[in-house]
Structures are given as C-alpha cells and as structure tokens.
Amino acid sequence: MGAVATASAQSAGPTLTLDQAVAKVQQDTGGRVLSAEPHRVDRKLKYLIKVLTPDGHVQRLVVSSEASKNPASSQSTKNPPAKRAGSKEKH
C-alpha cells in the first residue's frame, strides 16, 4: 500500500503531505502544532491540525491536501485582520 500512496502523491503534483500542511500552518500562524491528523471528507483528504498560537490560544484548522486551494489561511480562526479594522472600533 505504501508504494501506491507514494505513486499517487507524486503523480498528483499539487497535493500537500501531512508534514507540508503542518509546516504551512506553523509558518502561517507562528504557533506550535499540538496535533495533526488526516481525515477523508467526501472523497477528499483533509488534515485537521490543532495549533497553539503565540498569544496562547488553541486553534483547530482544516487544511485541504490540494495545495492550490490554500485553505489554511482562508479557514483559519485567527482574528488579527478583524482587530486591525478601524471601522469597527466604537468610542
């Protein structure tokens, strides 16, 4: 089975491995990965990654194995962009 998985990962090209997904989440969040597990959802491989952020919060992220979708940043529960939005500030 290992040879089949390796061959399919090489032929697909744009897929992320679990290690690559973990590295991407660490880079994107600046946090420390606590756990990472592969899961199949509707015939697609996704990685469930739990990360401890530098400010001490735990985030649960879902990263698609399809690298082109780049879901780590789009599905992140990270909030800094919203905090910087000056239009929501009330006095």
Protein backbone atom coordinates (compact mmCIF):
# COMPACT_ATOMS: atom_id res chain seq x y z
CA MET A 1 0.00 0.00 0.00
CA GLY A 2 2.84 2.43 0.71
CA ALA A 3 4.04 2.28 -2.90
CA VAL A 4 0.55 3.09 -4.18
CA ALA A 5 0.20 6.09 -1.88
CA THR A 6 3.63 7.39 -2.87
CA ALA A 7 2.92 6.95 -6.57
CA SER A 8 -0.42 8.77 -6.35
CA ALA A 9 1.12 11.64 -4.38
CA GLN A 10 3.87 12.04 -6.97
CA SER A 11 1.54 11.89 -9.97
CA ALA A 12 -0.98 14.34 -8.49
CA GLY A 13 1.66 17.05 -8.09
CA PRO A 14 -0.27 19.81 -6.29
CA THR A 15 -1.17 17.75 -3.21
CA LEU A 16 0.17 18.53 0.24
CA THR A 17 1.52 15.88 2.56
CA LEU A 18 0.70 15.97 6.27
CA ASP A 19 4.22 17.24 7.00
CA GLN A 20 3.84 20.04 4.45
CA ALA A 21 0.45 21.03 5.88
CA VAL A 22 1.94 21.15 9.39
CA ALA A 23 4.84 23.30 8.17
CA LYS A 24 2.44 25.65 6.38
CA VAL A 25 0.27 26.09 9.49
CA GLN A 26 3.35 26.75 11.64
CA GLN A 27 4.54 29.36 9.15
CA ASP A 28 1.11 31.00 8.74
CA THR A 29 0.26 31.16 12.44
CA GLY A 30 3.69 31.39 14.05
CA GLY A 31 2.39 28.85 16.54
CA ARG A 32 3.27 25.36 17.68
CA VAL A 33 1.37 22.39 16.26
CA LEU A 34 -0.13 20.26 19.01
CA SER A 35 -1.66 17.56 16.81
CA ALA A 36 -2.30 16.79 13.14
CA GLU A 37 -4.49 14.04 11.70
CA PRO A 38 -5.53 13.13 8.16
CA HIS A 39 -9.28 12.74 7.50
CA ARG A 40 -11.27 11.91 4.40
CA VAL A 41 -14.26 14.16 3.72
CA ASP A 42 -16.36 13.50 0.61
CA ARG A 43 -13.52 11.57 -1.08
CA LYS A 44 -11.08 14.40 -0.40
CA LEU A 45 -8.18 14.23 2.01
CA LYS A 46 -8.05 16.98 4.61
CA TYR A 47 -5.81 17.49 7.60
CA LEU A 48 -7.16 18.51 11.00
CA ILE A 49 -4.44 20.49 12.74
CA LYS A 50 -4.53 21.84 16.29
CA VAL A 51 -2.08 24.67 16.92
CA LEU A 52 -1.10 26.74 19.97
CA THR A 53 -0.73 30.35 18.84
CA PRO A 54 1.95 32.68 20.20
CA ASP A 55 -0.72 34.51 22.23
CA GLY A 56 -1.69 31.26 23.99
CA HIS A 57 -4.89 30.35 22.12
CA VAL A 58 -5.59 26.93 20.64
CA GLN A 59 -6.89 26.92 17.06
CA ARG A 60 -8.29 23.99 15.12
CA LEU A 61 -7.60 24.34 11.41
CA VAL A 62 -8.66 22.26 8.44
CA VAL A 63 -6.13 22.14 5.61
CA SER A 64 -7.00 20.56 2.27
CA SER A 65 -4.45 18.23 0.74
CA GLU A 66 -4.96 20.16 -2.51
CA ALA A 67 -2.25 22.80 -2.36
CA SER A 68 -3.88 25.11 -4.91
CA LYS A 69 -6.87 25.78 -2.65
CA ASN A 70 -4.69 27.20 0.15
CA PRO A 71 -7.36 26.71 2.85
CA ALA A 72 -5.11 27.14 5.87
CA SER A 73 -5.34 30.90 5.55
CA SER A 74 -8.97 31.01 4.44
CA GLN A 75 -10.32 28.72 7.17
CA SER A 76 -8.12 29.98 9.95
CA THR A 77 -9.78 31.05 13.16
CA LYS A 78 -7.05 33.63 13.58
CA ASN A 79 -8.51 37.10 14.25
CA PRO A 80 -5.80 39.77 13.80
CA PRO A 81 -7.15 41.17 10.48
CA ALA A 82 -10.50 41.92 12.14
CA LYS A 83 -8.78 43.58 15.10
CA ARG A 84 -6.97 45.97 12.77
CA ALA A 85 -10.19 47.05 11.07
CA GLY A 86 -10.64 50.63 12.28
CA SER A 87 -14.24 50.82 11.05
CA LYS A 88 -15.46 48.51 13.82
CA GLU A 89 -13.93 50.50 16.62
CA LYS A 90 -16.51 52.30 18.78
CA HIS A 91 -15.84 55.18 21.15
